[in-house]
Protein backbone atom coordinates (compact mmCIF):
# COMPACT_ATOMS: atom_id res chain seq x y z
CA MET A 1 -8.73 23.20 37.73
CA LEU A 2 -6.69 20.24 36.51
CA PRO A 3 -6.42 16.79 36.46
CA LEU A 4 -9.55 15.97 34.60
CA ARG A 5 -10.78 13.31 36.50
CA LYS A 6 -13.99 12.52 34.49
CA VAL A 7 -14.61 13.48 30.73
CA VAL A 8 -18.25 13.14 29.74
CA LEU A 9 -19.27 12.53 26.24
CA PRO A 10 -22.91 12.95 25.24
CA VAL A 11 -23.54 10.45 22.14
CA ASP A 12 -26.20 10.28 19.79
CA PHE A 13 -24.57 7.24 17.69
CA SER A 14 -23.94 9.74 14.94
CA GLU A 15 -20.72 10.44 12.99
CA ARG A 16 -20.32 13.30 15.10
CA SER A 17 -20.34 11.31 18.15
CA VAL A 18 -17.72 8.88 16.85
CA GLY A 19 -15.81 11.75 15.71
CA ALA A 20 -15.81 13.45 19.24
CA ALA A 21 -14.98 9.99 20.97
CA ARG A 22 -11.39 10.43 19.18
CA TYR A 23 -11.04 13.30 20.96
CA VAL A 24 -11.92 11.97 24.15
CA GLU A 25 -9.70 9.06 23.57
CA ALA A 26 -6.82 11.34 23.31
CA ILE A 27 -7.87 13.20 26.35
CA ALA A 28 -8.24 10.24 28.42
CA ALA A 29 -4.89 8.92 27.39
CA HIS A 30 -3.12 12.09 28.21
CA CYS A 31 -4.92 12.92 31.08
CA ASP A 32 -5.66 9.50 32.64
CA CYS A 33 -9.19 10.40 33.40
CA ASP A 34 -12.38 8.21 33.45
CA VAL A 35 -15.01 8.46 30.59
CA THR A 36 -18.78 8.48 30.83
CA LEU A 37 -20.66 7.94 27.30
CA LEU A 38 -24.11 9.79 28.23
CA HIS A 39 -27.50 9.29 26.28
CA VAL A 40 -30.50 11.09 27.30
CA LEU A 41 -33.61 9.69 25.99
CA PRO A 42 -36.37 12.38 25.49
CA PRO A 43 -39.75 11.81 27.19
CA PRO A 44 -42.21 9.68 25.68
CA HIS A 45 -44.71 12.36 24.41
CA TYR A 46 -41.19 13.67 22.75
CA GLU A 47 -40.41 10.55 20.89
CA PHE A 48 -44.09 9.60 20.15
CA SER A 49 -45.81 12.78 19.99
CA ALA A 50 -47.22 12.18 16.35
CA LEU A 51 -48.85 8.81 17.37
CA GLU A 52 -52.52 8.67 18.64
CA VAL A 53 -52.17 6.17 21.20
CA GLY A 54 -53.55 5.37 24.54
CA SER A 55 -50.85 5.67 27.79
CA ALA A 56 -50.20 1.82 28.17
CA VAL A 57 -49.37 1.61 24.60
CA LEU A 58 -47.27 4.55 24.85
CA ASN A 59 -45.05 3.10 27.81
CA GLU A 60 -44.78 0.06 25.95
CA LEU A 61 -43.48 1.59 22.84
CA PHE A 62 -41.15 3.88 25.28
CA ALA A 63 -40.06 0.80 27.16
CA ALA A 64 -39.03 -0.76 24.00
CA ARG A 65 -37.12 2.17 22.82
CA ALA A 66 -35.41 2.31 26.06
CA LYS A 67 -34.31 -0.99 26.11
CA GLN A 68 -32.74 -0.84 22.40
CA VAL A 69 -31.22 2.20 23.19
CA ARG A 70 -29.57 0.73 26.16
CA LYS A 71 -28.30 -1.78 23.95
CA ASP A 72 -26.99 0.54 21.40
CA LEU A 73 -25.19 2.25 23.94
CA ASP A 74 -23.56 -0.78 25.49
CA ALA A 75 -22.52 -1.56 21.81
CA PHE A 76 -21.12 1.84 21.06
CA LEU A 77 -17.55 2.04 20.01
CA GLU A 78 -17.07 -0.95 22.33
CA GLU A 79 -13.93 -2.07 20.78
CA GLU A 80 -12.35 1.21 20.43
CA LEU A 81 -12.68 2.30 23.95
CA SER A 82 -12.01 -1.14 25.37
CA GLY A 83 -8.17 0.42 26.84
CA PHE A 84 -10.13 3.16 28.98
CA ARG A 85 -12.16 3.31 32.23
CA VAL A 86 -15.83 3.88 30.46
CA GLU A 87 -19.18 4.07 32.21
CA ARG A 88 -22.39 4.28 30.01
CA VAL A 89 -25.17 5.99 31.42
CA LEU A 90 -28.59 6.22 29.91
CA LEU A 91 -30.95 9.01 31.26
CA GLU A 92 -34.36 10.27 30.56
CA GLY A 93 -35.67 13.82 30.10
CA ASP A 94 -34.65 17.27 28.48
CA PRO A 95 -31.19 16.33 26.96
CA ALA A 96 -29.40 19.75 27.78
CA ARG A 97 -30.49 19.90 31.06
CA LYS A 98 -29.53 16.28 31.52
CA ILE A 99 -26.25 16.87 30.13
CA VAL A 100 -25.36 20.19 32.29
CA GLU A 101 -26.72 18.17 35.40
CA TYR A 102 -24.81 15.32 35.38
CA ALA A 103 -21.61 17.16 34.76
CA HIS A 104 -22.22 19.30 37.71
CA GLN A 105 -23.22 16.58 40.07
CA GLN A 106 -20.43 14.13 38.63
CA GLN A 107 -17.90 17.07 38.91
CA CYS A 108 -16.68 16.28 35.27
CA GLY A 109 -13.82 18.15 34.21
CA LEU A 110 -14.76 18.88 30.77
CA THR A 111 -17.62 17.79 28.51
CA VAL A 112 -17.02 16.88 24.72
CA MET A 113 -19.79 17.68 22.21
CA PRO A 114 -19.80 18.54 18.72
CA THR A 115 -21.73 21.53 17.27
CA HIS A 116 -25.15 20.38 15.09
CA GLY A 117 -25.65 21.70 11.49
CA TYR A 118 -26.13 20.25 7.70
CA GLY A 119 -25.65 21.63 4.34
CA PRO A 120 -23.01 24.33 3.41
CA PHE A 121 -24.04 26.55 6.20
CA ARG A 122 -23.16 24.16 8.88
CA ARG A 123 -20.28 26.09 10.07
CA PHE A 124 -22.63 28.86 11.20
CA ILE A 125 -24.94 26.55 12.83
CA LEU A 126 -25.04 25.42 16.25
CA GLY A 127 -27.95 22.81 17.82
CA SER A 128 -30.10 24.09 20.42
CA VAL A 129 -28.56 20.81 22.74
CA THR A 130 -25.18 22.18 22.40
CA ALA A 131 -26.08 25.86 22.90
CA LYS A 132 -27.84 25.12 25.97
CA VAL A 133 -25.41 23.01 27.41
CA LEU A 134 -22.49 25.97 26.25
CA HIS A 135 -24.83 28.66 28.20
CA ASP A 136 -25.40 26.67 31.29
CA ALA A 137 -22.96 24.32 32.22
CA ASP A 138 -20.28 25.04 34.54
CA CYS A 139 -17.47 22.85 33.59
CA PRO A 140 -15.27 23.55 30.45
CA ILE A 141 -16.75 22.58 27.29
CA MET A 142 -15.03 21.17 23.94
CA THR A 143 -16.92 21.74 20.71
CA GLY A 144 -16.61 22.48 17.42
CA VAL A 145 -17.39 21.45 13.66
CA HIS A 146 -14.09 19.86 13.45
CA LEU A 147 -14.92 17.17 16.05
CA GLU A 148 -16.52 15.17 13.41
CA GLN A 149 -13.68 15.17 11.19
CA ALA A 150 -11.04 13.67 13.57
CA PRO A 151 -9.02 10.91 12.10
CA ARG A 152 -10.28 7.45 12.18
CA ARG A 153 -6.98 5.51 12.00
CA GLU A 154 -4.19 7.62 13.39
CA PRO A 155 -4.97 8.94 16.97
CA VAL A 156 -5.86 12.53 17.53
CA THR A 157 -2.67 14.76 18.10
CA ILE A 158 -2.56 18.34 19.87
CA HIS A 159 0.58 20.31 19.29
CA THR A 160 -0.53 24.01 19.31
CA ILE A 161 -3.19 25.62 21.48
CA VAL A 162 -4.18 29.17 21.10
CA VAL A 163 -5.62 30.62 24.50
CA ALA A 164 -7.35 33.77 23.76
CA LEU A 165 -7.68 36.29 26.69
CA ASP A 166 -10.07 39.13 27.54
CA LEU A 167 -8.04 40.34 30.67
CA GLY A 168 -11.23 40.12 32.39
CA PRO A 169 -11.74 38.60 36.06
CA GLN A 170 -11.86 35.14 34.59
CA SER A 171 -8.63 35.13 32.34
CA LYS A 172 -6.01 33.82 34.94
CA ALA A 173 -8.16 30.80 35.41
CA VAL A 174 -8.29 30.24 31.81
CA LEU A 175 -5.09 30.87 31.08
CA GLU A 176 -3.98 28.43 34.11
CA TRP A 177 -6.63 25.72 32.90
CA ALA A 178 -5.03 26.12 29.24
CA ALA A 179 -1.38 25.84 30.52
CA GLN A 180 -2.15 22.64 32.37
CA PHE A 181 -3.94 20.94 29.27
CA ALA A 182 -1.12 21.92 27.13
CA ALA A 183 1.52 20.52 29.53
CA ARG A 184 -0.48 17.22 29.52
CA PHE A 185 -0.15 16.91 25.65
CA GLU A 186 3.41 18.88 25.75
CA ALA A 187 1.74 21.49 23.22
CA GLU A 188 2.93 24.64 22.27
CA LEU A 189 0.75 27.10 24.10
CA LEU A 190 0.47 30.66 22.39
CA VAL A 191 -1.46 33.63 24.39
CA ALA A 192 -3.71 35.49 21.98
CA TYR A 193 -5.34 39.07 22.77
CA VAL A 194 -7.15 41.27 20.28
CA ILE A 195 -7.00 45.17 21.02
CA PRO A 196 -9.98 47.07 20.80
CA CYS A 197 -10.47 48.58 17.57
CA LEU A 198 -8.89 52.05 17.68
CA GLU A 199 -9.56 53.09 14.05
CA ALA A 200 -11.18 56.27 13.54
CA GLN A 201 -14.11 57.33 12.10
CA PRO A 202 -14.17 59.35 8.64
CA GLY A 203 -13.44 63.09 9.64
CA GLU A 204 -12.23 62.48 13.19
CA TYR A 205 -8.44 62.61 14.18
CA PHE A 206 -6.89 59.77 16.26
CA ASP A 207 -3.90 60.12 18.44
CA ARG A 208 -1.23 57.57 17.64
CA ASP A 209 0.47 57.67 20.77
CA TRP A 210 -2.66 56.99 22.13
CA ARG A 211 -2.78 53.86 20.17
CA GLU A 212 0.85 52.88 20.94
CA HIS A 213 0.24 53.62 24.92
CA VAL A 214 -3.06 51.21 24.85
CA GLU A 215 -1.04 48.84 23.27
CA LEU A 216 1.82 48.99 25.74
CA GLN A 217 -0.68 48.91 28.20
CA SER A 218 -2.17 45.80 27.10
CA ARG A 219 1.06 43.95 26.85
CA GLU A 220 2.02 45.17 30.37
CA ARG A 221 -1.41 43.54 31.59
CA ILE A 222 -0.74 40.37 29.59
CA ASP A 223 2.79 39.90 30.91
CA ALA A 224 1.63 40.72 34.59
CA LEU A 225 -1.22 38.00 34.20
CA LEU A 226 1.36 35.33 32.74
CA SER A 227 3.71 36.19 35.52
CA GLU A 228 0.88 35.63 38.27
CA ALA A 229 -0.27 32.46 36.82
CA GLY A 230 3.37 31.30 36.48
CA VAL A 231 2.74 30.73 32.66
CA SER A 232 5.13 31.12 29.93
CA GLY A 233 3.77 31.53 26.32
CA LYS A 234 4.56 33.67 22.82
CA VAL A 235 2.17 36.46 23.13
CA LEU A 236 0.23 37.27 19.94
CA MET A 237 -1.28 40.80 19.44
CA GLU A 238 -3.73 42.32 17.14
CA SER A 239 -6.46 44.67 16.89
CA GLY A 240 -9.59 44.14 15.12
CA ASP A 241 -12.97 41.83 15.22
CA PRO A 242 -12.25 39.65 18.22
CA PRO A 243 -13.83 36.52 16.26
CA GLN A 244 -11.87 37.36 13.21
CA VAL A 245 -8.90 38.09 14.49
CA ILE A 246 -8.40 35.23 16.97
CA CYS A 247 -9.71 32.64 14.53
CA SER A 248 -7.31 33.80 11.81
CA MET A 249 -4.33 33.60 14.30
CA ALA A 250 -5.31 30.30 14.98
CA GLN A 251 -5.16 29.46 11.39
CA ARG A 252 -1.86 30.89 10.83
CA ALA A 253 -0.47 28.89 13.93
CA LYS A 254 -1.91 25.81 12.61
CA ALA A 255 -3.45 25.39 16.19
CA ASP A 256 -5.09 22.20 17.06
CA LEU A 257 -7.05 23.71 19.98
CA VAL A 258 -8.43 27.36 20.79
CA ILE A 259 -9.13 27.70 24.53
CA ILE A 260 -11.62 30.73 25.61
CA GLY A 261 -13.02 32.00 28.58
CA ARG A 262 -16.95 32.31 29.74
CA GLY A 263 -18.70 34.98 32.08
CA SER A 264 -20.19 34.31 35.36
CA ALA A 265 -23.37 36.72 35.25
CA ALA A 266 -25.87 34.32 36.82
CA GLY A 267 -24.67 32.66 39.82
CA ARG A 268 -23.24 29.23 39.73
CA PHE A 269 -23.95 28.76 35.85
CA GLY A 270 -21.76 31.10 33.51
CA ARG A 271 -22.83 32.97 30.54
CA LEU A 272 -21.08 32.59 27.15
CA ARG A 273 -19.43 35.93 26.36
CA ALA A 274 -20.55 37.85 23.33
CA ASN A 275 -17.84 36.76 21.02
CA ALA A 276 -17.82 32.91 22.00
CA TYR A 277 -20.48 31.61 19.51
CA SER A 278 -18.88 33.49 16.47
CA ILE A 279 -15.30 31.86 17.63
CA ILE A 280 -16.64 28.83 17.94
CA ARG A 281 -18.46 28.80 14.63
CA GLN A 282 -15.69 30.29 12.94
CA SER A 283 -12.53 28.32 14.46
CA PRO A 284 -10.28 26.30 12.07
CA CYS A 285 -10.19 23.59 15.11
CA PRO A 286 -12.32 22.61 18.03
CA VAL A 287 -12.60 25.28 20.92
CA VAL A 288 -12.72 24.66 24.63
CA SER A 289 -14.64 27.38 26.43
CA VAL A 290 -13.74 27.52 30.15
């Protein structure tokens, strides 16, 4: 899957975009890839729907808006990204759809975009554009509330990566992607697996030998997967609620990045697995969904 030849960063000129750009800088430096700053300008009826104006005036207002945005995009982080190969692209249309289409057409290896939310519950909110891109994109997506908290002065560093597997069909691909990404940063790779909760209901008996059998079988499958992918890494196994356990593992390991997989139940475009949104919202660090 690697090398990452191109990374796309959708920008809205906010602090979220500035923080995400710091991660893009680190990725570009370690992976020697091209960077695209992408801004999608919504159609005129989105931008000026509240104004009762004729089509000629509407087109004039939109043209002025597009001209200003082009100027802003050319100047956005110009000095900070001066040492990298950067292309600045302005498109018109539905933001989520255009981001997904552009990343696919340009065969981008990674899209980096922060979540969106305000106030004390921001960690539990995914912006509609980010959610749609996560749902439809066919390339890995890096996101999370922590992107905007990237350091402004010192470079972003990634020392520890947790890759969470579910032992589904895509696990080998996720593991290989994570291992190659970790190698670029010379980061420690921890392989996490959450055993299905085996707690008995009140009044029911649960065979302890069966629990140990399930754990042993899971470990054997993980070891076989590591061997098949040619990957080495410390294995972390716990039982419980997957999002909570994975995020707890990442917290204890002081992970700088969590990598998870997405399903593929709809043709070319993948579908986000049931636990992915919860992991992204609760993770103590950015998350890449592969």
